[in-house]
Amino acid sequence: MGVSVSASPLLTIAMADVPKTDAGLASGIVNVSMWLASSTTLSVIDTLAASRSTSLLARAQSVASSLTAGYHETFVIGAVLAAIGLLVTVTLLSAPAKEVAHAQSVSRDVASEWEELEVMAGEL
């Protein structure tokens, strides 16, 4: 459920240590994993809604109130899962992403300094 909130940070973190030659493959694996997780979550939530609605129908409640109660319960569960996904993204995953961004920045700085040294050495 929190995929929409955490997709970009998760993709950034998952791709951080992947060599450029394997970036396409790794990106595909990460995207398929996120789609499978979303599909599985949707099927579980639909099953919970159907189960709740069926149990209320068995207690002689109307179809409309049973469906409403079933979907209400699963919307609450979905909201809780989305909030947990947001919390995980903000608290646990933002620090590694910042470290990766810093490391990439330092790497670019070192590469540009190295190029300057090569140019200076070529002028001698």
PDB file of N, CA and C in Angstrom:
ATOM      1  N   MET A   1       0.822  -1.198   0.000  1.00  0.00           N
ATOM      2  CA  MET A   1       0.000   0.000   0.000  1.00  0.00           C
ATOM      3  C   MET A   1       0.862   1.256   0.000  1.00  0.00           C
ATOM      4  N   GLY A   2       1.990   1.219   0.600  1.00  0.00           N
ATOM      5  CA  GLY A   2       2.825   2.409   0.641  1.00  0.00           C
ATOM      6  C   GLY A   2       3.726   2.537  -0.562  1.00  0.00           C
ATOM      7  N   VAL A   3       3.456   1.787  -1.619  1.00  0.00           N
ATOM      8  CA  VAL A   3       4.328   1.800  -2.793  1.00  0.00           C
ATOM      9  C   VAL A   3       4.355   3.172  -3.436  1.00  0.00           C
ATOM     10  N   SER A   4       3.209   3.822  -3.521  1.00  0.00           N
ATOM     11  CA  SER A   4       3.185   5.130  -4.167  1.00  0.00           C
ATOM     12  C   SER A   4       4.015   6.145  -3.401  1.00  0.00           C
ATOM     13  N   VAL A   5       4.118   5.993  -2.113  1.00  0.00           N
ATOM     14  CA  VAL A   5       4.892   6.912  -1.291  1.00  0.00           C
ATOM     15  C   VAL A   5       6.377   6.566  -1.314  1.00  0.00           C
ATOM     16  N   SER A   6       6.676   5.292  -1.374  1.00  0.00           N
ATOM     17  CA  SER A   6       8.059   4.870  -1.198  1.00  0.00           C
ATOM     18  C   SER A   6       8.753   4.391  -2.468  1.00  0.00           C
ATOM     19  N   ALA A   7       8.103   4.480  -3.615  1.00  0.00           N
ATOM     20  CA  ALA A   7       8.687   3.926  -4.843  1.00  0.00           C
ATOM     21  C   ALA A   7      10.010   4.591  -5.217  1.00  0.00           C
ATOM     22  N   SER A   8      10.051   5.907  -5.247  1.00  0.00           N
ATOM     23  CA  SER A   8      11.291   6.593  -5.638  1.00  0.00           C
ATOM     24  C   SER A   8      12.437   6.350  -4.665  1.00  0.00           C
ATOM     25  N   PRO A   9      12.217   6.499  -3.351  1.00  0.00           N
ATOM     26  CA  PRO A   9      13.327   6.208  -2.435  1.00  0.00           C
ATOM     27  C   PRO A   9      13.785   4.761  -2.503  1.00  0.00           C
ATOM     28  N   LEU A  10      12.840   3.833  -2.626  1.00  0.00           N
ATOM     29  CA  LEU A  10      13.225   2.425  -2.711  1.00  0.00           C
ATOM     30  C   LEU A  10      14.035   2.151  -3.969  1.00  0.00           C
ATOM     31  N   LEU A  11      13.627   2.744  -5.089  1.00  0.00           N
ATOM     32  CA  LEU A  11      14.354   2.547  -6.334  1.00  0.00           C
ATOM     33  C   LEU A  11      15.752   3.143  -6.244  1.00  0.00           C
ATOM     34  N   THR A  12      15.870   4.313  -5.638  1.00  0.00           N
ATOM     35  CA  THR A  12      17.178   4.952  -5.468  1.00  0.00           C
ATOM     36  C   THR A  12      18.103   4.097  -4.620  1.00  0.00           C
ATOM     37  N   ILE A  13      17.589   3.597  -3.522  1.00  0.00           N
ATOM     38  CA  ILE A  13      18.405   2.784  -2.628  1.00  0.00           C
ATOM     39  C   ILE A  13      18.753   1.451  -3.272  1.00  0.00           C
ATOM     40  N   ALA A  14      17.784   0.844  -3.943  1.00  0.00           N
ATOM     41  CA  ALA A  14      18.041  -0.454  -4.574  1.00  0.00           C
ATOM     42  C   ALA A  14      19.071  -0.340  -5.693  1.00  0.00           C
ATOM     43  N   MET A  15      19.102   0.784  -6.371  1.00  0.00           N
ATOM     44  CA  MET A  15      19.997   0.957  -7.509  1.00  0.00           C
ATOM     45  C   MET A  15      21.337   1.574  -7.124  1.00  0.00           C
ATOM     46  N   ALA A  16      21.526   1.928  -5.868  1.00  0.00           N
ATOM     47  CA  ALA A  16      22.710   2.671  -5.440  1.00  0.00           C
ATOM     48  C   ALA A  16      24.016   1.935  -5.715  1.00  0.00           C
ATOM     49  N   ASP A  17      24.090   0.669  -5.458  1.00  0.00           N
ATOM     50  CA  ASP A  17      25.346  -0.077  -5.595  1.00  0.00           C
ATOM     51  C   ASP A  17      25.413  -0.924  -6.864  1.00  0.00           C
ATOM     52  N   VAL A  18      24.487  -0.708  -7.770  1.00  0.00           N
ATOM     53  CA  VAL A  18      24.441  -1.515  -8.984  1.00  0.00           C
ATOM     54  C   VAL A  18      25.371  -0.903 -10.034  1.00  0.00           C
ATOM     55  N   PRO A  19      26.245  -1.715 -10.621  1.00  0.00           N
ATOM     56  CA  PRO A  19      27.101  -1.191 -11.690  1.00  0.00           C
ATOM     57  C   PRO A  19      26.263  -0.725 -12.883  1.00  0.00           C
ATOM     58  N   LYS A  20      26.775   0.246 -13.632  1.00  0.00           N
ATOM     59  CA  LYS A  20      26.020   0.801 -14.754  1.00  0.00           C
ATOM     60  C   LYS A  20      25.657  -0.261 -15.783  1.00  0.00           C
ATOM     61  N   THR A  21      26.501  -1.270 -15.923  1.00  0.00           N
ATOM     62  CA  THR A  21      26.224  -2.312 -16.912  1.00  0.00           C
ATOM     63  C   THR A  21      25.013  -3.156 -16.545  1.00  0.00           C
ATOM     64  N   ASP A  22      24.682  -3.229 -15.266  1.00  0.00           N
ATOM     65  CA  ASP A  22      23.547  -4.030 -14.801  1.00  0.00           C
ATOM     66  C   ASP A  22      22.348  -3.180 -14.394  1.00  0.00           C
ATOM     67  N   ALA A  23      22.391  -1.879 -14.659  1.00  0.00           N
ATOM     68  CA  ALA A  23      21.341  -0.977 -14.192  1.00  0.00           C
ATOM     69  C   ALA A  23      19.973  -1.333 -14.771  1.00  0.00           C
ATOM     70  N   GLY A  24      19.904  -1.672 -16.051  1.00  0.00           N
ATOM     71  CA  GLY A  24      18.619  -2.010 -16.661  1.00  0.00           C
ATOM     72  C   GLY A  24      17.995  -3.244 -16.052  1.00  0.00           C
ATOM     73  N   LEU A  25      18.802  -4.279 -15.863  1.00  0.00           N
ATOM     74  CA  LEU A  25      18.320  -5.517 -15.259  1.00  0.00           C
ATOM     75  C   LEU A  25      17.852  -5.279 -13.822  1.00  0.00           C
ATOM     76  N   ALA A  26      18.658  -4.569 -13.053  1.00  0.00           N
ATOM     77  CA  ALA A  26      18.298  -4.307 -11.652  1.00  0.00           C
ATOM     78  C   ALA A  26      17.037  -3.468 -11.554  1.00  0.00           C
ATOM     79  N   SER A  27      16.910  -2.473 -12.415  1.00  0.00           N
ATOM     80  CA  SER A  27      15.714  -1.635 -12.409  1.00  0.00           C
ATOM     81  C   SER A  27      14.479  -2.467 -12.735  1.00  0.00           C
ATOM     82  N   GLY A  28      14.603  -3.368 -13.689  1.00  0.00           N
ATOM     83  CA  GLY A  28      13.489  -4.241 -14.035  1.00  0.00           C
ATOM     84  C   GLY A  28      13.081  -5.136 -12.884  1.00  0.00           C
ATOM     85  N   ILE A  29      14.070  -5.693 -12.202  1.00  0.00           N
ATOM     86  CA  ILE A  29      13.776  -6.569 -11.059  1.00  0.00           C
ATOM     87  C   ILE A  29      13.082  -5.792  -9.948  1.00  0.00           C
ATOM     88  N   VAL A  30      13.566  -4.593  -9.670  1.00  0.00           N
ATOM     89  CA  VAL A  30      12.955  -3.773  -8.618  1.00  0.00           C
ATOM     90  C   VAL A  30      11.524  -3.404  -9.000  1.00  0.00           C
ATOM     91  N   ASN A  31      11.313  -2.997 -10.240  1.00  0.00           N
ATOM     92  CA  ASN A  31       9.962  -2.612 -10.666  1.00  0.00           C
ATOM     93  C   ASN A  31       9.001  -3.798 -10.635  1.00  0.00           C
ATOM     94  N   VAL A  32       9.444  -4.964 -11.085  1.00  0.00           N
ATOM     95  CA  VAL A  32       8.587  -6.151 -11.038  1.00  0.00           C
ATOM     96  C   VAL A  32       8.262  -6.495  -9.583  1.00  0.00           C
ATOM     97  N   SER A  33       9.252  -6.379  -8.713  1.00  0.00           N
ATOM     98  CA  SER A  33       9.009  -6.661  -7.290  1.00  0.00           C
ATOM     99  C   SER A  33       7.958  -5.726  -6.715  1.00  0.00           C
ATOM    100  N   MET A  34       8.028  -4.450  -7.067  1.00  0.00           N
ATOM    101  CA  MET A  34       7.041  -3.494  -6.554  1.00  0.00           C
ATOM    102  C   MET A  34       5.646  -3.794  -7.112  1.00  0.00           C
ATOM    103  N   TRP A  35       5.558  -4.152  -8.394  1.00  0.00           N
ATOM    104  CA  TRP A  35       4.258  -4.495  -8.979  1.00  0.00           C
ATOM    105  C   TRP A  35       3.683  -5.750  -8.344  1.00  0.00           C
ATOM    106  N   LEU A  36       4.528  -6.752  -8.113  1.00  0.00           N
ATOM    107  CA  LEU A  36       4.039  -7.978  -7.469  1.00  0.00           C
ATOM    108  C   LEU A  36       3.567  -7.706  -6.046  1.00  0.00           C
ATOM    109  N   ALA A  37       4.298  -6.886  -5.323  1.00  0.00           N
ATOM    110  CA  ALA A  37       3.886  -6.545  -3.959  1.00  0.00           C
ATOM    111  C   ALA A  37       2.549  -5.801  -3.970  1.00  0.00           C
ATOM    112  N   SER A  38       2.377  -4.885  -4.911  1.00  0.00           N
ATOM    113  CA  SER A  38       1.118  -4.144  -5.014  1.00  0.00           C
ATOM    114  C   SER A  38      -0.040  -5.077  -5.363  1.00  0.00           C
ATOM    115  N   SER A  39       0.191  -5.970  -6.304  1.00  0.00           N
ATOM    116  CA  SER A  39      -0.864  -6.909  -6.711  1.00  0.00           C
ATOM    117  C   SER A  39      -1.246  -7.843  -5.572  1.00  0.00           C
ATOM    118  N   THR A  40      -0.249  -8.319  -4.854  1.00  0.00           N
ATOM    119  CA  THR A  40      -0.518  -9.206  -3.722  1.00  0.00           C
ATOM    120  C   THR A  40      -1.300  -8.475  -2.641  1.00  0.00           C
ATOM    121  N   THR A  41      -0.910  -7.255  -2.350  1.00  0.00           N
ATOM    122  CA  THR A  41      -1.621  -6.467  -1.339  1.00  0.00           C
ATOM    123  C   THR A  41      -3.064  -6.232  -1.754  1.00  0.00           C
ATOM    124  N   LEU A  42      -3.271  -5.903  -3.016  1.00  0.00           N
ATOM    125  CA  LEU A  42      -4.626  -5.674  -3.495  1.00  0.00           C
ATOM    126  C   LEU A  42      -5.477  -6.935  -3.374  1.00  0.00           C
ATOM    127  N   SER A  43      -4.904  -8.080  -3.711  1.00  0.00           N
ATOM    128  CA  SER A  43      -5.679  -9.322  -3.616  1.00  0.00           C
ATOM    129  C   SER A  43      -5.996  -9.672  -2.157  1.00  0.00           C
ATOM    130  N   VAL A  44      -5.068  -9.414  -1.251  1.00  0.00           N
ATOM    131  CA  VAL A  44      -5.321  -9.679   0.170  1.00  0.00           C
ATOM    132  C   VAL A  44      -6.417  -8.758   0.691  1.00  0.00           C
ATOM    133  N   ILE A  45      -6.349  -7.487   0.318  1.00  0.00           N
ATOM    134  CA  ILE A  45      -7.354  -6.529   0.788  1.00  0.00           C
ATOM    135  C   ILE A  45      -8.729  -6.868   0.204  1.00  0.00           C
ATOM    136  N   ASP A  46      -8.777  -7.256  -1.067  1.00  0.00           N
ATOM    137  CA  ASP A  46     -10.056  -7.669  -1.659  1.00  0.00           C
ATOM    138  C   ASP A  46     -10.617  -8.896  -0.955  1.00  0.00           C
ATOM    139  N   THR A  47      -9.746  -9.832  -0.613  1.00  0.00           N
ATOM    140  CA  THR A  47     -10.183 -11.031   0.100  1.00  0.00           C
ATOM    141  C   THR A  47     -10.731 -10.679   1.479  1.00  0.00           C
ATOM    142  N   LEU A  48     -10.072  -9.759   2.166  1.00  0.00           N
ATOM    143  CA  LEU A  48     -10.562  -9.320   3.481  1.00  0.00           C
ATOM    144  C   LEU A  48     -11.931  -8.645   3.365  1.00  0.00           C
ATOM    145  N   ALA A  49     -12.099  -7.812   2.335  1.00  0.00           N
ATOM    146  CA  ALA A  49     -13.389  -7.136   2.140  1.00  0.00           C
ATOM    147  C   ALA A  49     -14.489  -8.160   1.869  1.00  0.00           C
ATOM    148  N   ALA A  50     -14.187  -9.112   1.007  1.00  0.00           N
ATOM    149  CA  ALA A  50     -15.181 -10.141   0.692  1.00  0.00           C
ATOM    150  C   ALA A  50     -15.507 -10.989   1.913  1.00  0.00           C
ATOM    151  N   SER A  51     -14.501 -11.323   2.690  1.00  0.00           N
ATOM    152  CA  SER A  51     -14.713 -12.143   3.892  1.00  0.00           C
ATOM    153  C   SER A  51     -15.595 -11.413   4.906  1.00  0.00           C
ATOM    154  N   ARG A  52     -15.278 -10.136   5.124  1.00  0.00           N
ATOM    155  CA  ARG A  52     -16.059  -9.347   6.078  1.00  0.00           C
ATOM    156  C   ARG A  52     -17.500  -9.198   5.590  1.00  0.00           C
ATOM    157  N   SER A  53     -17.674  -8.912   4.322  1.00  0.00           N
ATOM    158  CA  SER A  53     -19.020  -8.755   3.762  1.00  0.00           C
ATOM    159  C   SER A  53     -19.814 -10.052   3.863  1.00  0.00           C
ATOM    160  N   THR A  54     -19.154 -11.170   3.556  1.00  0.00           N
ATOM    161  CA  THR A  54     -19.824 -12.464   3.630  1.00  0.00           C
ATOM    162  C   THR A  54     -20.234 -12.802   5.056  1.00  0.00           C
ATOM    163  N   SER A  55     -19.364 -12.514   6.016  1.00  0.00           N
ATOM    164  CA  SER A  55     -19.713 -12.822   7.411  1.00  0.00           C
ATOM    165  C   SER A  55     -20.870 -11.959   7.897  1.00  0.00           C
ATOM    166  N   LEU A  56     -20.945 -10.718   7.437  1.00  0.00           N
ATOM    167  CA  LEU A  56     -22.073  -9.863   7.828  1.00  0.00           C
ATOM    168  C   LEU A  56     -23.366 -10.292   7.138  1.00  0.00           C
ATOM    169  N   LEU A  57     -23.249 -10.762   5.898  1.00  0.00           N
ATOM    170  CA  LEU A  57     -24.441 -11.281   5.217  1.00  0.00           C
ATOM    171  C   LEU A  57     -24.977 -12.520   5.928  1.00  0.00           C
ATOM    172  N   ALA A  58     -24.076 -13.337   6.456  1.00  0.00           N
ATOM    173  CA  ALA A  58     -24.492 -14.537   7.187  1.00  0.00           C
ATOM    174  C   ALA A  58     -25.229 -14.176   8.465  1.00  0.00           C
ATOM    175  N   ARG A  59     -24.997 -12.980   8.991  1.00  0.00           N
ATOM    176  CA  ARG A  59     -25.690 -12.515  10.197  1.00  0.00           C
ATOM    177  C   ARG A  59     -26.979 -11.771   9.844  1.00  0.00           C
ATOM    178  N   ALA A  60     -27.454 -11.936   8.631  1.00  0.00           N
ATOM    179  CA  ALA A  60     -28.727 -11.380   8.157  1.00  0.00           C
ATOM    180  C   ALA A  60     -28.723  -9.866   8.033  1.00  0.00           C
ATOM    181  N   GLN A  61     -27.563  -9.283   7.735  1.00  0.00           N
ATOM    182  CA  GLN A  61     -27.531  -7.845   7.440  1.00  0.00           C
ATOM    183  C   GLN A  61     -27.787  -7.653   5.954  1.00  0.00           C
ATOM    184  N   SER A  62     -28.191  -6.456   5.593  1.00  0.00           N
ATOM    185  CA  SER A  62     -28.495  -6.195   4.179  1.00  0.00           C
ATOM    186  C   SER A  62     -27.208  -6.229   3.348  1.00  0.00           C
ATOM    187  N   VAL A  63     -27.394  -6.428   2.051  1.00  0.00           N
ATOM    188  CA  VAL A  63     -26.255  -6.488   1.137  1.00  0.00           C
ATOM    189  C   VAL A  63     -25.501  -5.162   1.150  1.00  0.00           C
ATOM    190  N   ALA A  64     -26.231  -4.063   1.109  1.00  0.00           N
ATOM    191  CA  ALA A  64     -25.595  -2.739   1.066  1.00  0.00           C
ATOM    192  C   ALA A  64     -24.766  -2.477   2.325  1.00  0.00           C
ATOM    193  N   SER A  65     -25.324  -2.756   3.486  1.00  0.00           N
ATOM    194  CA  SER A  65     -24.573  -2.495   4.716  1.00  0.00           C
ATOM    195  C   SER A  65     -23.403  -3.460   4.874  1.00  0.00           C
ATOM    196  N   SER A  66     -23.555  -4.692   4.392  1.00  0.00           N
ATOM    197  CA  SER A  66     -22.456  -5.665   4.457  1.00  0.00           C
ATOM    198  C   SER A  66     -21.286  -5.234   3.586  1.00  0.00           C
ATOM    199  N   LEU A  67     -21.599  -4.831   2.352  1.00  0.00           N
ATOM    200  CA  LEU A  67     -20.536  -4.367   1.458  1.00  0.00           C
ATOM    201  C   LEU A  67     -19.869  -3.106   1.988  1.00  0.00           C
ATOM    202  N   THR A  68     -20.671  -2.183   2.495  1.00  0.00           N
ATOM    203  CA  THR A  68     -20.125  -0.947   3.042  1.00  0.00           C
ATOM    204  C   THR A  68     -19.191  -1.238   4.216  1.00  0.00           C
ATOM    205  N   ALA A  69     -19.611  -2.102   5.102  1.00  0.00           N
ATOM    206  CA  ALA A  69     -18.781  -2.453   6.258  1.00  0.00           C
ATOM    207  C   ALA A  69     -17.500  -3.170   5.829  1.00  0.00           C
ATOM    208  N   GLY A  70     -17.616  -4.065   4.853  1.00  0.00           N
ATOM    209  CA  GLY A  70     -16.441  -4.781   4.358  1.00  0.00           C
ATOM    210  C   GLY A  70     -15.423  -3.841   3.751  1.00  0.00           C
ATOM    211  N   TYR A  71     -15.903  -2.923   2.897  1.00  0.00           N
ATOM    212  CA  TYR A  71     -14.975  -1.970   2.285  1.00  0.00           C
ATOM    213  C   TYR A  71     -14.451  -0.955   3.289  1.00  0.00           C
ATOM    214  N   HIS A  72     -15.276  -0.575   4.241  1.00  0.00           N
ATOM    215  CA  HIS A  72     -14.818   0.358   5.273  1.00  0.00           C
ATOM    216  C   HIS A  72     -13.649  -0.241   6.052  1.00  0.00           C
ATOM    217  N   GLU A  73     -13.802  -1.504   6.429  1.00  0.00           N
ATOM    218  CA  GLU A  73     -12.734  -2.176   7.186  1.00  0.00           C
ATOM    219  C   GLU A  73     -11.434  -2.226   6.376  1.00  0.00           C
ATOM    220  N   THR A  74     -11.552  -2.562   5.104  1.00  0.00           N
ATOM    221  CA  THR A  74     -10.326  -2.672   4.305  1.00  0.00           C
ATOM    222  C   THR A  74      -9.731  -1.310   3.968  1.00  0.00           C
ATOM    223  N   PHE A  75     -10.548  -0.268   3.853  1.00  0.00           N
ATOM    224  CA  PHE A  75      -9.979   1.063   3.654  1.00  0.00           C
ATOM    225  C   PHE A  75      -9.191   1.503   4.881  1.00  0.00           C
ATOM    226  N   VAL A  76      -9.692   1.169   6.066  1.00  0.00           N
ATOM    227  CA  VAL A  76      -8.949   1.485   7.289  1.00  0.00           C
ATOM    228  C   VAL A  76      -7.630   0.717   7.312  1.00  0.00           C
ATOM    229  N   ILE A  77      -7.666  -0.560   6.969  1.00  0.00           N
ATOM    230  CA  ILE A  77      -6.437  -1.369   6.927  1.00  0.00           C
ATOM    231  C   ILE A  77      -5.474  -0.792   5.891  1.00  0.00           C
ATOM    232  N   GLY A  78      -5.986  -0.424   4.727  1.00  0.00           N
ATOM    233  CA  GLY A  78      -5.144   0.173   3.685  1.00  0.00           C
ATOM    234  C   GLY A  78      -4.520   1.482   4.129  1.00  0.00           C
ATOM    235  N   ALA A  79      -5.283   2.314   4.825  1.00  0.00           N
ATOM    236  CA  ALA A  79      -4.756   3.586   5.317  1.00  0.00           C
ATOM    237  C   ALA A  79      -3.647   3.356   6.343  1.00  0.00           C
ATOM    238  N   VAL A  80      -3.844   2.372   7.203  1.00  0.00           N
ATOM    239  CA  VAL A  80      -2.812   2.051   8.201  1.00  0.00           C
ATOM    240  C   VAL A  80      -1.545   1.546   7.506  1.00  0.00           C
ATOM    241  N   LEU A  81      -1.702   0.690   6.509  1.00  0.00           N
ATOM    242  CA  LEU A  81      -0.536   0.187   5.779  1.00  0.00           C
ATOM    243  C   LEU A  81       0.176   1.303   5.018  1.00  0.00           C
ATOM    244  N   ALA A  82      -0.584   2.224   4.443  1.00  0.00           N
ATOM    245  CA  ALA A  82       0.032   3.359   3.744  1.00  0.00           C
ATOM    246  C   ALA A  82       0.802   4.244   4.725  1.00  0.00           C
ATOM    247  N   ALA A  83       0.239   4.461   5.898  1.00  0.00           N
ATOM    248  CA  ALA A  83       0.929   5.260   6.915  1.00  0.00           C
ATOM    249  C   ALA A  83       2.208   4.570   7.374  1.00  0.00           C
ATOM    250  N   ILE A  84       2.157   3.251   7.535  1.00  0.00           N
ATOM    251  CA  ILE A  84       3.353   2.499   7.915  1.00  0.00           C
ATOM    252  C   ILE A  84       4.401   2.596   6.814  1.00  0.00           C
ATOM    253  N   GLY A  85       3.977   2.483   5.561  1.00  0.00           N
ATOM    254  CA  GLY A  85       4.905   2.624   4.438  1.00  0.00           C
ATOM    255  C   GLY A  85       5.560   3.992   4.410  1.00  0.00           C
ATOM    256  N   LEU A  86       4.777   5.029   4.670  1.00  0.00           N
ATOM    257  CA  LEU A  86       5.333   6.381   4.725  1.00  0.00           C
ATOM    258  C   LEU A  86       6.325   6.512   5.867  1.00  0.00           C
ATOM    259  N   LEU A  87       5.965   5.977   7.020  1.00  0.00           N
ATOM    260  CA  LEU A  87       6.855   6.045   8.178  1.00  0.00           C
ATOM    261  C   LEU A  87       8.172   5.329   7.902  1.00  0.00           C
ATOM    262  N   VAL A  88       8.105   4.139   7.322  1.00  0.00           N
ATOM    263  CA  VAL A  88       9.314   3.376   6.998  1.00  0.00           C
ATOM    264  C   VAL A  88      10.178   4.153   6.018  1.00  0.00           C
ATOM    265  N   THR A  89       9.546   4.725   5.007  1.00  0.00           N
ATOM    266  CA  THR A  89      10.284   5.483   4.003  1.00  0.00           C
ATOM    267  C   THR A  89      10.989   6.680   4.619  1.00  0.00           C
ATOM    268  N   VAL A  90      10.264   7.426   5.414  1.00  0.00           N
ATOM    269  CA  VAL A  90      10.831   8.654   5.984  1.00  0.00           C
ATOM    270  C   VAL A  90      11.909   8.352   7.014  1.00  0.00           C
ATOM    271  N   THR A  91      11.671   7.397   7.880  1.00  0.00           N
ATOM    272  CA  THR A  91      12.612   7.171   8.972  1.00  0.00           C
ATOM    273  C   THR A  91      13.793   6.278   8.603  1.00  0.00           C
ATOM    274  N   LEU A  92      13.524   5.169   7.963  1.00  0.00           N
ATOM    275  CA  LEU A  92      14.591   4.202   7.734  1.00  0.00           C
ATOM    276  C   LEU A  92      15.317   4.360   6.407  1.00  0.00           C
ATOM    277  N   LEU A  93      14.624   4.783   5.383  1.00  0.00           N
ATOM    278  CA  LEU A  93      15.211   4.765   4.057  1.00  0.00           C
ATOM    279  C   LEU A  93      15.791   6.100   3.603  1.00  0.00           C
ATOM    280  N   SER A  94      15.469   7.179   4.272  1.00  0.00           N
ATOM    281  CA  SER A  94      15.986   8.470   3.818  1.00  0.00           C
ATOM    282  C   SER A  94      17.465   8.637   4.144  1.00  0.00           C
ATOM    283  N   ALA A  95      17.927   8.100   5.259  1.00  0.00           N
ATOM    284  CA  ALA A  95      19.342   8.232   5.626  1.00  0.00           C
ATOM    285  C   ALA A  95      20.264   7.541   4.624  1.00  0.00           C
ATOM    286  N   PRO A  96      20.014   6.287   4.214  1.00  0.00           N
ATOM    287  CA  PRO A  96      20.887   5.671   3.208  1.00  0.00           C
ATOM    288  C   PRO A  96      20.858   6.413   1.872  1.00  0.00           C
ATOM    289  N   ALA A  97      19.704   6.950   1.492  1.00  0.00           N
ATOM    290  CA  ALA A  97      19.626   7.683   0.229  1.00  0.00           C
ATOM    291  C   ALA A  97      20.483   8.938   0.290  1.00  0.00           C
ATOM    292  N   LYS A  98      20.488   9.607   1.446  1.00  0.00           N
ATOM    293  CA  LYS A  98      21.329  10.793   1.607  1.00  0.00           C
ATOM    294  C   LYS A  98      22.807  10.414   1.541  1.00  0.00           C
ATOM    295  N   GLU A  99      23.154   9.275   2.139  1.00  0.00           N
ATOM    296  CA  GLU A  99      24.542   8.816   2.096  1.00  0.00           C
ATOM    297  C   GLU A  99      24.968   8.505   0.668  1.00  0.00           C
ATOM    298  N   VAL A 100      24.087   7.900  -0.094  1.00  0.00           N
ATOM    299  CA  VAL A 100      24.385   7.580  -1.490  1.00  0.00           C
ATOM    300  C   VAL A 100      24.581   8.859  -2.288  1.00  0.00           C
ATOM    301  N   ALA A 101      23.693   9.823  -2.088  1.00  0.00           N
ATOM    302  CA  ALA A 101      23.811  11.090  -2.812  1.00  0.00           C
ATOM    303  C   ALA A 101      25.116  11.790  -2.453  1.00  0.00           C
ATOM    304  N   HIS A 102      25.486  11.768  -1.190  1.00  0.00           N
ATOM    305  CA  HIS A 102      26.743  12.383  -0.753  1.00  0.00           C
ATOM    306  C   HIS A 102      27.936  11.658  -1.366  1.00  0.00           C
ATOM    307  N   ALA A 103      27.908  10.338  -1.364  1.00  0.00           N
ATOM    308  CA  ALA A 103      29.010   9.557  -1.937  1.00  0.00           C
ATOM    309  C   ALA A 103      29.142   9.828  -3.431  1.00  0.00           C
ATOM    310  N   GLN A 104      28.026   9.956  -4.140  1.00  0.00           N
ATOM    311  CA  GLN A 104      28.080  10.256  -5.564  1.00  0.00           C
ATOM    312  C   GLN A 104      28.645  11.650  -5.802  1.00  0.00           C
ATOM    313  N   SER A 105      28.283  12.586  -4.948  1.00  0.00           N
ATOM    314  CA  SER A 105      28.800  13.948  -5.069  1.00  0.00           C
ATOM    315  C   SER A 105      30.313  13.978  -4.860  1.00  0.00           C
ATOM    316  N   VAL A 106      30.775  13.265  -3.834  1.00  0.00           N
ATOM    317  CA  VAL A 106      32.203  13.194  -3.553  1.00  0.00           C
ATOM    318  C   VAL A 106      32.930  12.511  -4.705  1.00  0.00           C
ATOM    319  N   SER A 107      32.332  11.472  -5.252  1.00  0.00           N
ATOM    320  CA  SER A 107      32.929  10.753  -6.369  1.00  0.00           C
ATOM    321  C   SER A 107      33.077  11.661  -7.587  1.00  0.00           C
ATOM    322  N   ARG A 108      32.058  12.474  -7.862  1.00  0.00           N
ATOM    323  CA  ARG A 108      32.140  13.416  -8.986  1.00  0.00           C
ATOM    324  C   ARG A 108      33.216  14.458  -8.746  1.00  0.00           C
ATOM    325  N   ASP A 109      33.327  14.945  -7.504  1.00  0.00           N
ATOM    326  CA  ASP A 109      34.359  15.929  -7.174  1.00  0.00           C
ATOM    327  C   ASP A 109      35.754  15.354  -7.373  1.00  0.00           C
ATOM    328  N   VAL A 110      35.959  14.132  -6.919  1.00  0.00           N
ATOM    329  CA  VAL A 110      37.256  13.482  -7.062  1.00  0.00           C
ATOM    330  C   VAL A 110      37.576  13.263  -8.541  1.00  0.00           C
ATOM    331  N   ALA A 111      36.579  12.863  -9.313  1.00  0.00           N
ATOM    332  CA  ALA A 111      36.794  12.634 -10.746  1.00  0.00           C
ATOM    333  C   ALA A 111      37.162  13.927 -11.450  1.00  0.00           C
ATOM    334  N   SER A 112      36.508  15.027 -11.106  1.00  0.00           N
ATOM    335  CA  SER A 112      36.830  16.296 -11.764  1.00  0.00           C
ATOM    336  C   SER A 112      38.213  16.787 -11.354  1.00  0.00           C
ATOM    337  N   GLU A 113      38.595  16.583 -10.094  1.00  0.00           N
ATOM    338  CA  GLU A 113      39.939  16.963  -9.660  1.00  0.00           C
ATOM    339  C   GLU A 113      40.992  16.111 -10.369  1.00  0.00           C
ATOM    340  N   TRP A 114      40.678  14.844 -10.562  1.00  0.00           N
ATOM    341  CA  TRP A 114      41.607  13.948 -11.255  1.00  0.00           C
ATOM    342  C   TRP A 114      41.802  14.399 -12.699  1.00  0.00           C
ATOM    343  N   GLU A 115      40.703  14.804 -13.341  1.00  0.00           N
ATOM    344  CA  GLU A 115      40.798  15.292 -14.718  1.00  0.00           C
ATOM    345  C   GLU A 115      41.640  16.563 -14.786  1.00  0.00           C
ATOM    346  N   GLU A 116      41.470  17.456 -13.811  1.00  0.00           N
ATOM    347  CA  GLU A 116      42.272  18.680 -13.778  1.00  0.00           C
ATOM    348  C   GLU A 116      43.750  18.339 -13.633  1.00  0.00           C
ATOM    349  N   LEU A 117      44.066  17.362 -12.794  1.00  0.00           N
ATOM    350  CA  LEU A 117      45.463  16.955 -12.622  1.00  0.00           C
ATOM    351  C   LEU A 117      46.024  16.372 -13.914  1.00  0.00           C
ATOM    352  N   GLU A 118      45.223  15.592 -14.621  1.00  0.00           N
ATOM    353  CA  GLU A 118      45.674  15.022 -15.884  1.00  0.00           C
ATOM    354  C   GLU A 118      45.943  16.117 -16.911  1.00  0.00           C
ATOM    355  N   VAL A 119      45.066  17.139 -16.946  1.00  0.00           N
ATOM    356  CA  VAL A 119      45.268  18.249 -17.877  1.00  0.00           C
ATOM    357  C   VAL A 119      46.538  19.000 -17.520  1.00  0.00           C
ATOM    358  N   MET A 120      46.743  19.240 -16.240  1.00  0.00           N
ATOM    359  CA  MET A 120      47.940  19.958 -15.785  1.00  0.00           C
ATOM    360  C   MET A 120      49.207  19.148 -16.100  1.00  0.00           C
ATOM    361  N   ALA A 121      49.120  17.834 -15.916  1.00  0.00           N
ATOM    362  CA  ALA A 121      50.273  16.986 -16.195  1.00  0.00           C
ATOM    363  C   ALA A 121      50.559  16.966 -17.704  1.00  0.00           C
ATOM    364  N   GLY A 122      49.533  17.044 -18.531  1.00  0.00           N
ATOM    365  CA  GLY A 122      49.712  17.056 -19.960  1.00  0.00           C
ATOM    366  C   GLY A 122      50.341  18.352 -20.442  1.00  0.00           C
ATOM    367  N   GLU A 123      50.133  19.452 -19.716  1.00  0.00           N
ATOM    368  CA  GLU A 123      50.706  20.729 -20.078  1.00  0.00           C
ATOM    369  C   GLU A 123      52.181  20.831 -19.759  1.00  0.00           C
ATOM    370  N   LEU A 124      52.660  19.980 -18.854  1.00  0.00           N
ATOM    371  CA  LEU A 124      54.074  20.013 -18.462  1.00  0.00           C
ATOM    372  C   LEU A 124      54.902  19.379 -19.476  1.00  0.00           C
TER     373      LEU A 124
END
